[in-house]
Amino acid sequence: MLKVGLTGGIACGKSKALLCFDQLGAFTVDADKIAHEVVQHGQPAYRQILDEFGPDMVGKDGELDRAKLGDLVFSDDSARSKLNSIVHPFVLAEEDRLVQDLESKPHQYSMVVTDAALMVEVGSYAKYNVVIVIYCPPWIQLLRLMKRNALSKSEAMRRVSSQMPLLEKIGYADYIIDTSRDLSETREQIRHIYSELLEKSRDEG
């Protein structure tokens, strides 16, 4: 089974791209969704985060106050590094478990596509057969993030600048998907790549 890594910058359209691959027939893994799950109350990462950042990071519902934690880590490189060092091992372990479970059973999937924003930064991109980078021009990325998260320009710029520059990330790509235009064009790019990857998986099989 072909293992495909999908990555890119914040607000570039990774989730929509992952959904397109899912609709085409790939088995998909959403690292951001896993990251939400492993920090929930009662999960090991939850306690480690509280030990590191304190009980002020807990909301009234007992769960982490994600907005408050986000404000902290996007304005403090050290805090962001500490949070990533807590969360990423749990996320990577769950990604591997899902794929291993899939491979251990009869299945109809030719490929698994994993969406993980930081796979290049943490080095996990190396475990994939193919790496796809989702790209759009920085000014579009900034506008999308401002609209999506109701952020000021300076807040959005701080979040974008906290990540590896997209042009640097492209250097790791086997394929690039440009999401700067409408969704129909993005889908067409994905359909083309998916067809190529199916052929690749058949050749390797």
Protein backbone atom coordinates (compact mmCIF):
# COMPACT_ATOMS: atom_id res chain seq x y z
CA MET A 1 0.00 0.00 0.00
CA LEU A 2 1.38 3.35 -1.07
CA LYS A 3 1.95 5.76 1.85
CA VAL A 4 1.37 9.40 0.92
CA GLY A 5 2.18 12.37 3.14
CA LEU A 6 0.11 15.53 2.64
CA THR A 7 1.43 18.75 4.13
CA GLY A 8 1.53 22.52 3.69
CA GLY A 9 1.02 25.74 5.59
CA ILE A 10 -1.79 26.87 7.84
CA ALA A 11 -4.98 27.85 5.93
CA CYS A 12 -3.65 26.57 2.59
CA GLY A 13 -6.41 24.00 2.14
CA LYS A 14 -4.96 20.72 3.44
CA SER A 15 -8.25 19.55 4.95
CA LYS A 16 -10.17 20.10 1.71
CA ALA A 17 -7.45 18.30 -0.22
CA LEU A 18 -7.57 15.37 2.20
CA LEU A 19 -11.34 15.17 1.75
CA CYS A 20 -10.87 15.04 -2.03
CA PHE A 21 -8.48 12.10 -1.69
CA ASP A 22 -10.98 10.40 0.61
CA GLN A 23 -13.78 10.88 -1.91
CA LEU A 24 -11.60 9.41 -4.65
CA GLY A 25 -11.07 6.25 -2.61
CA ALA A 26 -7.91 6.67 -0.57
CA PHE A 27 -7.77 5.75 3.12
CA THR A 28 -7.12 9.04 4.89
CA VAL A 29 -5.57 9.98 8.23
CA ASP A 30 -6.02 13.47 9.69
CA ALA A 31 -3.18 14.30 12.09
CA ASP A 32 -4.92 17.47 13.26
CA LYS A 33 -7.98 15.45 14.28
CA ILE A 34 -5.73 13.01 16.14
CA ALA A 35 -4.00 15.92 17.87
CA HIS A 36 -7.39 17.12 19.12
CA GLU A 37 -8.16 13.65 20.47
CA VAL A 38 -4.87 13.03 22.31
CA VAL A 39 -5.13 16.26 24.31
CA GLN A 40 -8.65 15.65 25.58
CA HIS A 41 -9.33 15.26 29.28
CA GLY A 42 -8.15 11.88 30.52
CA GLN A 43 -5.62 11.39 27.73
CA PRO A 44 -1.89 11.21 28.59
CA ALA A 45 -0.98 14.37 26.68
CA TYR A 46 -3.61 16.36 28.62
CA ARG A 47 -1.88 15.83 31.96
CA GLN A 48 1.55 16.55 30.49
CA ILE A 49 0.30 19.84 29.02
CA LEU A 50 -1.14 20.90 32.37
CA ASP A 51 2.09 19.97 34.12
CA GLU A 52 4.02 22.11 31.65
CA PHE A 53 1.70 25.10 31.18
CA GLY A 54 -0.39 25.11 34.35
CA PRO A 55 -4.10 24.76 35.23
CA ASP A 56 -4.91 28.16 33.70
CA MET A 57 -5.00 26.40 30.35
CA VAL A 58 -8.17 24.51 31.33
CA GLY A 59 -11.55 25.91 30.35
CA LYS A 60 -14.78 25.75 32.33
CA ASP A 61 -15.71 22.46 30.67
CA GLY A 62 -12.56 20.79 31.98
CA GLU A 63 -11.01 20.56 28.53
CA LEU A 64 -8.01 22.54 27.33
CA ASP A 65 -8.73 26.13 26.39
CA ARG A 66 -7.38 25.78 22.86
CA ALA A 67 -7.72 29.47 22.04
CA LYS A 68 -5.72 30.48 25.10
CA LEU A 69 -3.09 27.82 24.49
CA GLY A 70 -2.90 28.86 20.83
CA ASP A 71 -2.34 32.51 21.74
CA LEU A 72 0.55 31.44 23.96
CA VAL A 73 2.34 29.05 21.62
CA PHE A 74 2.03 31.26 18.54
CA SER A 75 3.68 34.12 20.39
CA ASP A 76 6.38 32.10 22.19
CA ASP A 77 8.74 29.84 20.25
CA SER A 78 9.85 28.02 23.38
CA ALA A 79 6.28 27.28 24.47
CA ARG A 80 5.37 26.06 20.98
CA SER A 81 8.41 23.75 20.97
CA LYS A 82 7.44 22.35 24.37
CA LEU A 83 3.84 21.74 23.29
CA ASN A 84 4.95 20.01 20.10
CA SER A 85 7.37 17.79 22.03
CA ILE A 86 4.45 16.64 24.20
CA VAL A 87 1.80 16.15 21.53
CA HIS A 88 3.68 14.90 18.47
CA PRO A 89 4.86 11.54 19.87
CA PHE A 90 1.26 10.61 20.68
CA VAL A 91 0.06 11.76 17.25
CA LEU A 92 2.78 9.86 15.39
CA ALA A 93 2.10 6.71 17.42
CA GLU A 94 -1.62 6.87 16.60
CA GLU A 95 -0.92 7.49 12.91
CA ASP A 96 1.31 4.41 12.83
CA ARG A 97 -1.27 2.33 14.71
CA LEU A 98 -4.01 3.24 12.22
CA VAL A 99 -1.85 2.32 9.24
CA GLN A 100 -0.58 -0.91 10.79
CA ASP A 101 -4.14 -1.90 11.66
CA LEU A 102 -5.21 -1.23 8.08
CA GLU A 103 -2.33 -3.27 6.66
CA SER A 104 -3.07 -6.21 8.95
CA LYS A 105 -6.56 -6.73 7.50
CA PRO A 106 -7.90 -7.46 4.04
CA HIS A 107 -8.76 -4.10 2.50
CA GLN A 108 -9.59 -2.40 -0.77
CA TYR A 109 -7.26 0.57 -0.41
CA SER A 110 -4.29 1.12 -2.73
CA MET A 111 -2.98 4.07 -0.75
CA VAL A 112 -3.18 5.83 2.58
CA VAL A 113 -2.94 9.64 2.63
CA THR A 114 -1.91 11.28 5.89
CA ASP A 115 -2.47 15.02 6.39
CA ALA A 116 0.13 16.38 8.83
CA ALA A 117 1.11 20.04 8.81
CA LEU A 118 4.48 19.55 10.52
CA MET A 119 5.73 16.32 8.93
CA VAL A 120 8.69 18.11 7.36
CA GLU A 121 9.58 19.97 10.54
CA VAL A 122 9.56 16.84 12.71
CA GLY A 123 11.13 14.61 10.06
CA SER A 124 8.25 12.16 9.74
CA TYR A 125 7.93 12.96 6.01
CA ALA A 126 10.73 10.43 5.43
CA LYS A 127 8.42 7.49 6.20
CA TYR A 128 6.17 8.22 3.22
CA ASN A 129 6.63 6.95 -0.33
CA VAL A 130 5.33 10.23 -1.71
CA VAL A 131 5.10 13.75 -0.24
CA ILE A 132 2.53 16.25 -1.50
CA VAL A 133 2.71 19.92 -0.50
CA ILE A 134 -0.42 22.07 -0.57
CA TYR A 135 0.50 25.58 -1.67
CA CYS A 136 -1.04 28.99 -2.18
CA PRO A 137 0.63 32.42 -2.35
CA PRO A 138 1.37 33.87 1.10
CA TRP A 139 -1.03 36.78 0.67
CA ILE A 140 -3.91 34.38 -0.04
CA GLN A 141 -2.87 32.23 2.90
CA LEU A 142 -2.92 35.30 5.15
CA LEU A 143 -6.36 36.44 4.02
CA ARG A 144 -7.83 32.96 4.43
CA LEU A 145 -6.41 32.63 7.93
CA MET A 146 -7.72 36.05 8.97
CA LYS A 147 -11.19 35.16 7.73
CA ARG A 148 -11.24 31.58 9.07
CA ASN A 149 -9.98 32.37 12.57
CA ALA A 150 -11.26 35.96 12.87
CA LEU A 151 -7.69 37.20 13.40
CA SER A 152 -6.14 40.60 12.86
CA LYS A 153 -3.46 40.87 10.18
CA SER A 154 -0.68 40.96 12.77
CA GLU A 155 -2.08 37.89 14.59
CA ALA A 156 -2.36 35.97 11.33
CA MET A 157 1.15 36.97 10.26
CA ARG A 158 2.52 35.74 13.58
CA ARG A 159 0.92 32.32 13.06
CA VAL A 160 2.10 32.04 9.47
CA SER A 161 5.64 33.07 10.39
CA SER A 162 5.76 30.44 13.14
CA GLN A 163 5.80 27.73 10.45
CA MET A 164 8.40 26.74 7.89
CA PRO A 165 8.11 29.01 4.81
CA LEU A 166 6.02 27.35 2.11
CA LEU A 167 8.71 27.80 -0.55
CA GLU A 168 11.15 25.92 1.68
CA LYS A 169 8.63 23.15 2.31
CA ILE A 170 8.06 22.76 -1.44
CA GLY A 171 11.64 21.54 -1.66
CA TYR A 172 10.51 18.28 -0.04
CA ALA A 173 7.59 17.72 -2.42
CA ASP A 174 7.11 15.03 -5.02
CA TYR A 175 3.90 16.80 -6.03
CA ILE A 176 2.59 20.33 -5.45
CA ILE A 177 -1.11 21.21 -5.35
CA ASP A 178 -1.85 24.90 -5.92
CA THR A 179 -5.04 25.89 -4.08
CA SER A 180 -4.98 29.57 -5.02
CA ARG A 181 -7.95 29.29 -7.38
CA ASP A 182 -11.37 27.71 -6.93
CA LEU A 183 -12.03 24.30 -5.42
CA SER A 184 -12.94 22.73 -8.76
CA GLU A 185 -9.43 23.40 -10.05
CA THR A 186 -7.91 21.99 -6.88
CA ARG A 187 -10.03 18.85 -7.31
CA GLU A 188 -8.83 18.45 -10.89
CA GLN A 189 -5.19 18.62 -9.77
CA ILE A 190 -5.91 16.01 -7.10
CA ARG A 191 -7.70 13.70 -9.53
CA HIS A 192 -4.67 13.82 -11.82
CA ILE A 193 -2.23 13.10 -8.99
CA TYR A 194 -4.45 10.35 -7.59
CA SER A 195 -4.50 8.61 -10.97
CA GLU A 196 -0.71 8.79 -11.19
CA LEU A 197 -0.35 7.41 -7.68
CA LEU A 198 -2.70 4.54 -8.42
CA GLU A 199 -0.49 3.60 -11.36
CA LYS A 200 2.56 3.90 -9.12
CA SER A 201 1.00 1.62 -6.49
CA ARG A 202 0.13 -0.97 -9.16
CA ASP A 203 3.66 -0.88 -10.57
CA GLU A 204 5.18 -1.35 -7.12
CA GLY A 205 2.67 -4.09 -6.29
